[in-house]
């Protein structure tokens, strides 16, 4: 399965989710966000058990879902340009991501 999200939208979503998602790992699932694609919509959700925030992406496509550590995702996107897409390949219990900016493709997760 594969999920593609606009880099610009993904960076905007992370800025908002940072207000809800904790980076402490006392409860590991609270340091993660869920990315899911269903019914033609891609969503990213984070929670701290008191509040939750969901972002629905306009410029995204795919199917499947996964959890990813919020801090790792931010590090993955650090320094990337705002154009292009981020492609997540979901296979069994492994998720890989790559940024595509024009002709350049690289893997960072």
PDB file of N, CA and C in Angstrom:
ATOM      1  N   UNK A   1       0.842  -1.171   0.000  1.00  0.00           N
ATOM      2  CA  UNK A   1       0.000   0.000   0.000  1.00  0.00           C
ATOM      3  C   UNK A   1       0.884   1.230   0.000  1.00  0.00           C
ATOM      4  N   UNK A   2       0.341   2.296  -0.523  1.00  0.00           N
ATOM      5  CA  UNK A   2       1.117   3.516  -0.649  1.00  0.00           C
ATOM      6  C   UNK A   2       0.233   4.720  -0.344  1.00  0.00           C
ATOM      7  N   UNK A   3       0.809   5.700   0.348  1.00  0.00           N
ATOM      8  CA  UNK A   3       0.109   6.944   0.652  1.00  0.00           C
ATOM      9  C   UNK A   3       1.006   8.085   0.205  1.00  0.00           C
ATOM     10  N   UNK A   4       0.453   9.007  -0.581  1.00  0.00           N
ATOM     11  CA  UNK A   4       1.194  10.176  -1.052  1.00  0.00           C
ATOM     12  C   UNK A   4       0.536  11.431  -0.488  1.00  0.00           C
ATOM     13  N   UNK A   5       1.361  12.312   0.098  1.00  0.00           N
ATOM     14  CA  UNK A   5       0.866  13.549   0.712  1.00  0.00           C
ATOM     15  C   UNK A   5       1.731  14.702   0.223  1.00  0.00           C
ATOM     16  N   UNK A   6       1.112  15.811  -0.077  1.00  0.00           N
ATOM     17  CA  UNK A   6       1.829  17.015  -0.470  1.00  0.00           C
ATOM     18  C   UNK A   6       2.767  17.445   0.664  1.00  0.00           C
ATOM     19  N   UNK A   7       4.021  17.724   0.331  1.00  0.00           N
ATOM     20  CA  UNK A   7       5.004  18.148   1.339  1.00  0.00           C
ATOM     21  C   UNK A   7       4.528  19.400   2.074  1.00  0.00           C
ATOM     22  N   UNK A   8       3.986  20.346   1.347  1.00  0.00           N
ATOM     23  CA  UNK A   8       3.520  21.593   1.961  1.00  0.00           C
ATOM     24  C   UNK A   8       2.436  21.320   3.002  1.00  0.00           C
ATOM     25  N   UNK A   9       1.443  20.513   2.631  1.00  0.00           N
ATOM     26  CA  UNK A   9       0.358  20.198   3.562  1.00  0.00           C
ATOM     27  C   UNK A   9       0.850  19.404   4.759  1.00  0.00           C
ATOM     28  N   UNK A  10       1.794  18.494   4.521  1.00  0.00           N
ATOM     29  CA  UNK A  10       2.322  17.674   5.608  1.00  0.00           C
ATOM     30  C   UNK A  10       3.054  18.534   6.626  1.00  0.00           C
ATOM     31  N   UNK A  11       3.859  19.468   6.160  1.00  0.00           N
ATOM     32  CA  UNK A  11       4.574  20.364   7.082  1.00  0.00           C
ATOM     33  C   UNK A  11       3.599  21.238   7.863  1.00  0.00           C
ATOM     34  N   UNK A  12       2.543  21.710   7.224  1.00  0.00           N
ATOM     35  CA  UNK A  12       1.525  22.506   7.919  1.00  0.00           C
ATOM     36  C   UNK A  12       0.819  21.670   8.988  1.00  0.00           C
ATOM     37  N   UNK A  13       0.515  20.426   8.663  1.00  0.00           N
ATOM     38  CA  UNK A  13      -0.162  19.535   9.613  1.00  0.00           C
ATOM     39  C   UNK A  13       0.709  19.278  10.836  1.00  0.00           C
ATOM     40  N   UNK A  14       2.005  19.082  10.632  1.00  0.00           N
ATOM     41  CA  UNK A  14       2.906  18.817  11.752  1.00  0.00           C
ATOM     42  C   UNK A  14       2.995  20.011  12.691  1.00  0.00           C
ATOM     43  N   UNK A  15       2.941  21.211  12.148  1.00  0.00           N
ATOM     44  CA  UNK A  15       2.968  22.406  12.999  1.00  0.00           C
ATOM     45  C   UNK A  15       1.757  22.434  13.929  1.00  0.00           C
ATOM     46  N   UNK A  16       0.593  22.081  13.419  1.00  0.00           N
ATOM     47  CA  UNK A  16      -0.609  22.037  14.249  1.00  0.00           C
ATOM     48  C   UNK A  16      -0.608  20.885  15.230  1.00  0.00           C
ATOM     49  N   UNK A  17      -0.189  19.714  14.780  1.00  0.00           N
ATOM     50  CA  UNK A  17      -0.168  18.534  15.645  1.00  0.00           C
ATOM     51  C   UNK A  17       0.835  18.668  16.781  1.00  0.00           C
ATOM     52  N   UNK A  18       1.857  19.478  16.606  1.00  0.00           N
ATOM     53  CA  UNK A  18       2.858  19.675  17.659  1.00  0.00           C
ATOM     54  C   UNK A  18       2.236  20.246  18.929  1.00  0.00           C
ATOM     55  N   UNK A  19       1.083  20.882  18.813  1.00  0.00           N
ATOM     56  CA  UNK A  19       0.394  21.444  19.972  1.00  0.00           C
ATOM     57  C   UNK A  19      -0.327  20.383  20.793  1.00  0.00           C
ATOM     58  N   UNK A  20      -0.531  19.205  20.199  1.00  0.00           N
ATOM     59  CA  UNK A  20      -1.276  18.140  20.867  1.00  0.00           C
ATOM     60  C   UNK A  20      -0.400  16.938  21.199  1.00  0.00           C
ATOM     61  N   UNK A  21       0.450  16.539  20.271  1.00  0.00           N
ATOM     62  CA  UNK A  21       1.254  15.325  20.435  1.00  0.00           C
ATOM     63  C   UNK A  21       2.434  15.594  21.365  1.00  0.00           C
ATOM     64  N   UNK A  22       2.654  14.696  22.307  1.00  0.00           N
ATOM     65  CA  UNK A  22       3.775  14.828  23.229  1.00  0.00           C
ATOM     66  C   UNK A  22       5.016  14.182  22.627  1.00  0.00           C
ATOM     67  N   UNK A  23       6.184  14.687  22.978  1.00  0.00           N
ATOM     68  CA  UNK A  23       7.416  14.059  22.494  1.00  0.00           C
ATOM     69  C   UNK A  23       8.026  13.168  23.575  1.00  0.00           C
ATOM     70  N   UNK A  24       7.415  13.175  24.774  1.00  0.00           N
ATOM     71  CA  UNK A  24       7.872  12.262  25.827  1.00  0.00           C
ATOM     72  C   UNK A  24       7.314  10.872  25.547  1.00  0.00           C
ATOM     73  N   UNK A  25       8.083   9.870  25.863  1.00  0.00           N
ATOM     74  CA  UNK A  25       7.665   8.519  25.514  1.00  0.00           C
ATOM     75  C   UNK A  25       7.224   7.698  26.726  1.00  0.00           C
ATOM     76  N   UNK A  26       6.634   8.351  27.730  1.00  0.00           N
ATOM     77  CA  UNK A  26       6.146   7.591  28.879  1.00  0.00           C
ATOM     78  C   UNK A  26       5.020   6.646  28.450  1.00  0.00           C
ATOM     79  N   UNK A  27       4.207   7.083  27.520  1.00  0.00           N
ATOM     80  CA  UNK A  27       3.203   6.236  26.879  1.00  0.00           C
ATOM     81  C   UNK A  27       3.504   6.344  25.379  1.00  0.00           C
ATOM     82  N   UNK A  28       4.221   5.373  24.826  1.00  0.00           N
ATOM     83  CA  UNK A  28       4.739   5.498  23.456  1.00  0.00           C
ATOM     84  C   UNK A  28       3.717   5.876  22.389  1.00  0.00           C
ATOM     85  N   UNK A  29       2.500   5.391  22.484  1.00  0.00           N
ATOM     86  CA  UNK A  29       1.521   5.700  21.442  1.00  0.00           C
ATOM     87  C   UNK A  29       1.171   7.188  21.425  1.00  0.00           C
ATOM     88  N   UNK A  30       1.352   7.883  22.533  1.00  0.00           N
ATOM     89  CA  UNK A  30       1.060   9.315  22.572  1.00  0.00           C
ATOM     90  C   UNK A  30       2.134  10.138  21.867  1.00  0.00           C
ATOM     91  N   UNK A  31       3.270   9.540  21.587  1.00  0.00           N
ATOM     92  CA  UNK A  31       4.345  10.218  20.860  1.00  0.00           C
ATOM     93  C   UNK A  31       4.266   9.911  19.366  1.00  0.00           C
ATOM     94  N   UNK A  32       3.164   9.313  18.939  1.00  0.00           N
ATOM     95  CA  UNK A  32       3.008   8.922  17.537  1.00  0.00           C
ATOM     96  C   UNK A  32       1.782   9.582  16.936  1.00  0.00           C
ATOM     97  N   UNK A  33       1.749   9.625  15.612  1.00  0.00           N
ATOM     98  CA  UNK A  33       0.561  10.063  14.887  1.00  0.00           C
ATOM     99  C   UNK A  33       0.110   8.916  13.994  1.00  0.00           C
ATOM    100  N   UNK A  34      -1.172   8.886  13.731  1.00  0.00           N
ATOM    101  CA  UNK A  34      -1.735   7.847  12.857  1.00  0.00           C
ATOM    102  C   UNK A  34      -2.030   8.478  11.514  1.00  0.00           C
ATOM    103  N   UNK A  35      -1.554   7.837  10.468  1.00  0.00           N
ATOM    104  CA  UNK A  35      -1.833   8.250   9.100  1.00  0.00           C
ATOM    105  C   UNK A  35      -2.716   7.159   8.503  1.00  0.00           C
ATOM    106  N   UNK A  36      -3.874   7.548   7.977  1.00  0.00           N
ATOM    107  CA  UNK A  36      -4.782   6.554   7.396  1.00  0.00           C
ATOM    108  C   UNK A  36      -5.420   7.102   6.132  1.00  0.00           C
ATOM    109  N   UNK A  37      -5.634   6.208   5.198  1.00  0.00           N
ATOM    110  CA  UNK A  37      -6.277   6.570   3.935  1.00  0.00           C
ATOM    111  C   UNK A  37      -7.473   5.644   3.731  1.00  0.00           C
ATOM    112  N   UNK A  38      -8.661   6.245   3.691  1.00  0.00           N
ATOM    113  CA  UNK A  38      -9.901   5.500   3.493  1.00  0.00           C
ATOM    114  C   UNK A  38     -10.864   6.365   2.702  1.00  0.00           C
ATOM    115  N   UNK A  39     -11.661   5.725   1.883  1.00  0.00           N
ATOM    116  CA  UNK A  39     -12.709   6.419   1.131  1.00  0.00           C
ATOM    117  C   UNK A  39     -12.186   7.630   0.359  1.00  0.00           C
ATOM    118  N   UNK A  40     -10.974   7.524  -0.177  1.00  0.00           N
ATOM    119  CA  UNK A  40     -10.402   8.606  -0.974  1.00  0.00           C
ATOM    120  C   UNK A  40      -9.868   9.777  -0.179  1.00  0.00           C
ATOM    121  N   UNK A  41      -9.806   9.660   1.154  1.00  0.00           N
ATOM    122  CA  UNK A  41      -9.299  10.742   1.993  1.00  0.00           C
ATOM    123  C   UNK A  41      -8.129  10.247   2.833  1.00  0.00           C
ATOM    124  N   UNK A  42      -7.129  11.096   2.985  1.00  0.00           N
ATOM    125  CA  UNK A  42      -5.980  10.779   3.829  1.00  0.00           C
ATOM    126  C   UNK A  42      -6.061  11.675   5.059  1.00  0.00           C
ATOM    127  N   UNK A  43      -5.933  11.046   6.239  1.00  0.00           N
ATOM    128  CA  UNK A  43      -6.023  11.767   7.512  1.00  0.00           C
ATOM    129  C   UNK A  43      -4.784  11.499   8.356  1.00  0.00           C
ATOM    130  N   UNK A  44      -4.433  12.480   9.176  1.00  0.00           N
ATOM    131  CA  UNK A  44      -3.377  12.311  10.171  1.00  0.00           C
ATOM    132  C   UNK A  44      -3.964  12.749  11.503  1.00  0.00           C
ATOM    133  N   UNK A  45      -3.828  11.895  12.529  1.00  0.00           N
ATOM    134  CA  UNK A  45      -4.425  12.162  13.832  1.00  0.00           C
ATOM    135  C   UNK A  45      -3.390  11.999  14.935  1.00  0.00           C
ATOM    136  N   UNK A  46      -3.419  12.911  15.891  1.00  0.00           N
ATOM    137  CA  UNK A  46      -2.579  12.833  17.082  1.00  0.00           C
ATOM    138  C   UNK A  46      -3.412  13.117  18.309  1.00  0.00           C
ATOM    139  N   UNK A  47      -2.972  12.608  19.461  1.00  0.00           N
ATOM    140  CA  UNK A  47      -3.721  12.819  20.697  1.00  0.00           C
ATOM    141  C   UNK A  47      -2.778  12.860  21.894  1.00  0.00           C
ATOM    142  N   UNK A  48      -3.263  13.479  22.980  1.00  0.00           N
ATOM    143  CA  UNK A  48      -2.569  13.426  24.262  1.00  0.00           C
ATOM    144  C   UNK A  48      -3.497  12.852  25.341  1.00  0.00           C
ATOM    145  N   UNK A  49      -4.550  12.189  24.918  1.00  0.00           N
ATOM    146  CA  UNK A  49      -5.613  11.574  25.712  1.00  0.00           C
ATOM    147  C   UNK A  49      -6.637  12.577  26.215  1.00  0.00           C
ATOM    148  N   UNK A  50      -6.298  13.841  26.294  1.00  0.00           N
ATOM    149  CA  UNK A  50      -7.253  14.866  26.680  1.00  0.00           C
ATOM    150  C   UNK A  50      -7.820  15.538  25.433  1.00  0.00           C
ATOM    151  N   UNK A  51      -6.941  15.771  24.472  1.00  0.00           N
ATOM    152  CA  UNK A  51      -7.314  16.420  23.225  1.00  0.00           C
ATOM    153  C   UNK A  51      -6.864  15.552  22.057  1.00  0.00           C
ATOM    154  N   UNK A  52      -7.524  15.719  20.930  1.00  0.00           N
ATOM    155  CA  UNK A  52      -7.026  15.073  19.716  1.00  0.00           C
ATOM    156  C   UNK A  52      -7.219  16.031  18.559  1.00  0.00           C
ATOM    157  N   UNK A  53      -6.402  15.863  17.558  1.00  0.00           N
ATOM    158  CA  UNK A  53      -6.457  16.719  16.385  1.00  0.00           C
ATOM    159  C   UNK A  53      -6.318  15.840  15.147  1.00  0.00           C
ATOM    160  N   UNK A  54      -7.190  16.068  14.165  1.00  0.00           N
ATOM    161  CA  UNK A  54      -7.131  15.334  12.905  1.00  0.00           C
ATOM    162  C   UNK A  54      -7.033  16.330  11.764  1.00  0.00           C
ATOM    163  N   UNK A  55      -6.128  16.047  10.855  1.00  0.00           N
ATOM    164  CA  UNK A  55      -5.986  16.855   9.642  1.00  0.00           C
ATOM    165  C   UNK A  55      -6.362  15.984   8.454  1.00  0.00           C
ATOM    166  N   UNK A  56      -7.252  16.484   7.617  1.00  0.00           N
ATOM    167  CA  UNK A  56      -7.620  15.803   6.376  1.00  0.00           C
ATOM    168  C   UNK A  56      -6.874  16.525   5.261  1.00  0.00           C
ATOM    169  N   UNK A  57      -6.114  15.782   4.485  1.00  0.00           N
ATOM    170  CA  UNK A  57      -5.288  16.364   3.436  1.00  0.00           C
ATOM    171  C   UNK A  57      -6.072  16.492   2.140  1.00  0.00           C
ATOM    172  N   UNK A  58      -5.964  17.667   1.517  1.00  0.00           N
ATOM    173  CA  UNK A  58      -6.636  17.920   0.245  1.00  0.00           C
ATOM    174  C   UNK A  58      -5.855  17.308  -0.916  1.00  0.00           C
ATOM    175  N   UNK A  59      -4.538  17.449  -0.871  1.00  0.00           N
ATOM    176  CA  UNK A  59      -3.681  16.992  -1.967  1.00  0.00           C
ATOM    177  C   UNK A  59      -2.963  15.716  -1.548  1.00  0.00           C
ATOM    178  N   UNK A  60      -3.720  14.620  -1.459  1.00  0.00           N
ATOM    179  CA  UNK A  60      -3.164  13.342  -1.008  1.00  0.00           C
ATOM    180  C   UNK A  60      -3.956  12.197  -1.624  1.00  0.00           C
ATOM    181  N   UNK A  61      -3.338  11.020  -1.635  1.00  0.00           N
ATOM    182  CA  UNK A  61      -4.014   9.845  -2.176  1.00  0.00           C
ATOM    183  C   UNK A  61      -3.407   8.596  -1.566  1.00  0.00           C
ATOM    184  N   UNK A  62      -4.081   7.482  -1.737  1.00  0.00           N
ATOM    185  CA  UNK A  62      -3.520   6.214  -1.292  1.00  0.00           C
ATOM    186  C   UNK A  62      -4.504   5.361  -0.548  1.00  0.00           C
ATOM    187  N   UNK A  63      -3.953   4.298   0.035  1.00  0.00           N
ATOM    188  CA  UNK A  63      -4.749   3.378   0.841  1.00  0.00           C
ATOM    189  C   UNK A  63      -3.868   2.797   1.931  1.00  0.00           C
ATOM    190  N   UNK A  64      -4.497   2.390   3.031  1.00  0.00           N
ATOM    191  CA  UNK A  64      -3.764   1.789   4.141  1.00  0.00           C
ATOM    192  C   UNK A  64      -3.660   2.730   5.321  1.00  0.00           C
ATOM    193  N   UNK A  65      -2.812   2.360   6.265  1.00  0.00           N
ATOM    194  CA  UNK A  65      -2.623   3.174   7.448  1.00  0.00           C
ATOM    195  C   UNK A  65      -1.450   2.689   8.264  1.00  0.00           C
ATOM    196  N   UNK A  66      -0.923   3.566   9.107  1.00  0.00           N
ATOM    197  CA  UNK A  66       0.212   3.232   9.955  1.00  0.00           C
ATOM    198  C   UNK A  66       0.362   4.260  11.058  1.00  0.00           C
ATOM    199  N   UNK A  67       1.092   3.891  12.097  1.00  0.00           N
ATOM    200  CA  UNK A  67       1.508   4.810  13.159  1.00  0.00           C
ATOM    201  C   UNK A  67       2.970   5.146  12.926  1.00  0.00           C
ATOM    202  N   UNK A  68       3.331   6.402  13.187  1.00  0.00           N
ATOM    203  CA  UNK A  68       4.722   6.806  13.057  1.00  0.00           C
ATOM    204  C   UNK A  68       5.062   7.773  14.185  1.00  0.00           C
ATOM    205  N   UNK A  69       6.244   7.611  14.734  1.00  0.00           N
ATOM    206  CA  UNK A  69       6.714   8.481  15.800  1.00  0.00           C
ATOM    207  C   UNK A  69       6.756   9.918  15.293  1.00  0.00           C
ATOM    208  N   UNK A  70       6.131  10.825  16.023  1.00  0.00           N
ATOM    209  CA  UNK A  70       6.022  12.218  15.613  1.00  0.00           C
ATOM    210  C   UNK A  70       7.391  12.868  15.454  1.00  0.00           C
ATOM    211  N   UNK A  71       8.272  12.620  16.415  1.00  0.00           N
ATOM    212  CA  UNK A  71       9.612  13.213  16.369  1.00  0.00           C
ATOM    213  C   UNK A  71      10.391  12.706  15.154  1.00  0.00           C
ATOM    214  N   UNK A  72      10.289  11.415  14.860  1.00  0.00           N
ATOM    215  CA  UNK A  72      10.964  10.849  13.683  1.00  0.00           C
ATOM    216  C   UNK A  72      10.432  11.467  12.397  1.00  0.00           C
ATOM    217  N   UNK A  73       9.119  11.664  12.326  1.00  0.00           N
ATOM    218  CA  UNK A  73       8.521  12.259  11.141  1.00  0.00           C
ATOM    219  C   UNK A  73       9.011  13.691  10.948  1.00  0.00           C
ATOM    220  N   UNK A  74       9.077  14.455  12.027  1.00  0.00           N
ATOM    221  CA  UNK A  74       9.594  15.833  11.932  1.00  0.00           C
ATOM    222  C   UNK A  74      11.041  15.851  11.479  1.00  0.00           C
ATOM    223  N   UNK A  75      11.860  14.950  12.012  1.00  0.00           N
ATOM    224  CA  UNK A  75      13.265  14.870  11.600  1.00  0.00           C
ATOM    225  C   UNK A  75      13.376  14.484  10.129  1.00  0.00           C
ATOM    226  N   UNK A  76      12.527  13.581   9.694  1.00  0.00           N
ATOM    227  CA  UNK A  76      12.503  13.136   8.306  1.00  0.00           C
ATOM    228  C   UNK A  76      12.252  14.317   7.364  1.00  0.00           C
ATOM    229  N   UNK A  77      11.357  15.225   7.754  1.00  0.00           N
ATOM    230  CA  UNK A  77      10.991  16.345   6.901  1.00  0.00           C
ATOM    231  C   UNK A  77      11.904  17.558   7.053  1.00  0.00           C
ATOM    232  N   UNK A  78      12.710  17.572   8.099  1.00  0.00           N
ATOM    233  CA  UNK A  78      13.569  18.726   8.366  1.00  0.00           C
ATOM    234  C   UNK A  78      14.485  18.982   7.169  1.00  0.00           C
ATOM    235  N   UNK A  79      14.516  20.225   6.735  1.00  0.00           N
ATOM    236  CA  UNK A  79      15.387  20.609   5.642  1.00  0.00           C
ATOM    237  C   UNK A  79      14.846  20.310   4.259  1.00  0.00           C
ATOM    238  N   UNK A  80      13.694  19.657   4.173  1.00  0.00           N
ATOM    239  CA  UNK A  80      13.111  19.356   2.863  1.00  0.00           C
ATOM    240  C   UNK A  80      12.383  20.586   2.334  1.00  0.00           C
ATOM    241  N   UNK A  81      12.383  20.724   1.049  1.00  0.00           N
ATOM    242  CA  UNK A  81      11.657  21.831   0.419  1.00  0.00           C
ATOM    243  C   UNK A  81      10.159  21.596   0.547  1.00  0.00           C
ATOM    244  N   UNK A  82       9.381  22.668   0.333  1.00  0.00           N
ATOM    245  CA  UNK A  82       7.928  22.550   0.478  1.00  0.00           C
ATOM    246  C   UNK A  82       7.229  22.052  -0.778  1.00  0.00           C
ATOM    247  N   UNK A  83       7.977  21.848  -1.863  1.00  0.00           N
ATOM    248  CA  UNK A  83       7.317  21.355  -3.068  1.00  0.00           C
ATOM    249  C   UNK A  83       7.473  19.846  -3.167  1.00  0.00           C
ATOM    250  N   UNK A  84       6.673  19.241  -4.008  1.00  0.00           N
ATOM    251  CA  UNK A  84       6.745  17.794  -4.176  1.00  0.00           C
ATOM    252  C   UNK A  84       5.841  17.060  -3.206  1.00  0.00           C
ATOM    253  N   UNK A  85       6.001  15.747  -3.195  1.00  0.00           N
ATOM    254  CA  UNK A  85       5.192  14.873  -2.353  1.00  0.00           C
ATOM    255  C   UNK A  85       6.067  14.021  -1.457  1.00  0.00           C
ATOM    256  N   UNK A  86       5.476  13.553  -0.395  1.00  0.00           N
ATOM    257  CA  UNK A  86       6.093  12.529   0.439  1.00  0.00           C
ATOM    258  C   UNK A  86       5.315  11.251   0.167  1.00  0.00           C
ATOM    259  N   UNK A  87       6.030  10.196  -0.167  1.00  0.00           N
ATOM    260  CA  UNK A  87       5.423   8.910  -0.476  1.00  0.00           C
ATOM    261  C   UNK A  87       5.759   7.938   0.649  1.00  0.00           C
ATOM    262  N   UNK A  88       4.735   7.378   1.283  1.00  0.00           N
ATOM    263  CA  UNK A  88       4.925   6.362   2.312  1.00  0.00           C
ATOM    264  C   UNK A  88       4.530   5.016   1.729  1.00  0.00           C
ATOM    265  N   UNK A  89       5.438   4.066   1.763  1.00  0.00           N
ATOM    266  CA  UNK A  89       5.159   2.705   1.330  1.00  0.00           C
ATOM    267  C   UNK A  89       4.931   1.865   2.575  1.00  0.00           C
ATOM    268  N   UNK A  90       3.752   1.264   2.684  1.00  0.00           N
ATOM    269  CA  UNK A  90       3.380   0.466   3.841  1.00  0.00           C
ATOM    270  C   UNK A  90       3.384  -1.001   3.417  1.00  0.00           C
ATOM    271  N   UNK A  91       4.292  -1.779   4.015  1.00  0.00           N
ATOM    272  CA  UNK A  91       4.394  -3.204   3.707  1.00  0.00           C
ATOM    273  C   UNK A  91       4.502  -3.971   5.011  1.00  0.00           C
ATOM    274  N   UNK A  92       3.503  -4.787   5.293  1.00  0.00           N
ATOM    275  CA  UNK A  92       3.447  -5.579   6.524  1.00  0.00           C
ATOM    276  C   UNK A  92       3.628  -4.669   7.732  1.00  0.00           C
ATOM    277  N   UNK A  93       4.714  -4.836   8.479  1.00  0.00           N
ATOM    278  CA  UNK A  93       4.938  -4.025   9.672  1.00  0.00           C
ATOM    279  C   UNK A  93       6.035  -2.987   9.450  1.00  0.00           C
ATOM    280  N   UNK A  94       6.290  -2.607   8.197  1.00  0.00           N
ATOM    281  CA  UNK A  94       7.355  -1.669   7.885  1.00  0.00           C
ATOM    282  C   UNK A  94       6.824  -0.518   7.035  1.00  0.00           C
ATOM    283  N   UNK A  95       7.251   0.674   7.373  1.00  0.00           N
ATOM    284  CA  UNK A  95       6.887   1.864   6.605  1.00  0.00           C
ATOM    285  C   UNK A  95       8.171   2.544   6.160  1.00  0.00           C
ATOM    286  N   UNK A  96       8.264   2.835   4.887  1.00  0.00           N
ATOM    287  CA  UNK A  96       9.385   3.618   4.378  1.00  0.00           C
ATOM    288  C   UNK A  96       8.818   4.872   3.745  1.00  0.00           C
ATOM    289  N   UNK A  97       9.586   5.922   3.785  1.00  0.00           N
ATOM    290  CA  UNK A  97       9.145   7.187   3.210  1.00  0.00           C
ATOM    291  C   UNK A  97      10.208   7.767   2.319  1.00  0.00           C
ATOM    292  N   UNK A  98       9.758   8.509   1.329  1.00  0.00           N
ATOM    293  CA  UNK A  98      10.706   9.192   0.469  1.00  0.00           C
ATOM    294  C   UNK A  98      10.088  10.507   0.015  1.00  0.00           C
ATOM    295  N   UNK A  99      10.945  11.469  -0.188  1.00  0.00           N
ATOM    296  CA  UNK A  99      10.513  12.770  -0.679  1.00  0.00           C
ATOM    297  C   UNK A  99      10.830  12.852  -2.154  1.00  0.00           C
ATOM    298  N   UNK A 100       9.906  13.361  -2.907  1.00  0.00           N
ATOM    299  CA  UNK A 100      10.140  13.552  -4.326  1.00  0.00           C
ATOM    300  C   UNK A 100      10.061  15.036  -4.634  1.00  0.00           C
ATOM    301  N   UNK A 101      11.164  15.606  -5.034  1.00  0.00           N
ATOM    302  CA  UNK A 101      11.230  17.015  -5.414  1.00  0.00           C
ATOM    303  C   UNK A 101      11.752  17.071  -6.842  1.00  0.00           C
ATOM    304  N   UNK A 102      10.844  17.218  -7.769  1.00  0.00           N
ATOM    305  CA  UNK A 102      11.260  17.238  -9.174  1.00  0.00           C
ATOM    306  C   UNK A 102      11.883  15.910  -9.553  1.00  0.00           C
ATOM    307  N   UNK A 103      13.142  15.925  -9.936  1.00  0.00           N
ATOM    308  CA  UNK A 103      13.818  14.711 -10.394  1.00  0.00           C
ATOM    309  C   UNK A 103      14.507  13.966  -9.254  1.00  0.00           C
ATOM    310  N   UNK A 104      14.566  14.550  -8.079  1.00  0.00           N
ATOM    311  CA  UNK A 104      15.309  13.953  -6.970  1.00  0.00           C
ATOM    312  C   UNK A 104      14.388  13.125  -6.072  1.00  0.00           C
ATOM    313  N   UNK A 105      14.793  11.916  -5.809  1.00  0.00           N
ATOM    314  CA  UNK A 105      14.060  11.033  -4.904  1.00  0.00           C
ATOM    315  C   UNK A 105      15.069  10.469  -3.916  1.00  0.00           C
ATOM    316  N   UNK A 106      14.737  10.529  -2.630  1.00  0.00           N
ATOM    317  CA  UNK A 106      15.632   9.949  -1.637  1.00  0.00           C
ATOM    318  C   UNK A 106      14.820   9.358  -0.497  1.00  0.00           C
ATOM    319  N   UNK A 107      15.395   8.386   0.176  1.00  0.00           N
ATOM    320  CA  UNK A 107      14.715   7.713   1.280  1.00  0.00           C
ATOM    321  C   UNK A 107      15.305   8.199   2.581  1.00  0.00           C
ATOM    322  N   UNK A 108      14.434   8.550   3.529  1.00  0.00           N
ATOM    323  CA  UNK A 108      14.918   9.074   4.792  1.00  0.00           C
ATOM    324  C   UNK A 108      14.345   8.360   5.994  1.00  0.00           C
ATOM    325  N   UNK A 109      13.380   7.481   5.832  1.00  0.00           N
ATOM    326  CA  UNK A 109      12.850   6.724   6.976  1.00  0.00           C
ATOM    327  C   UNK A 109      13.169   5.271   6.759  1.00  0.00           C
TER     328      UNK A 109
END
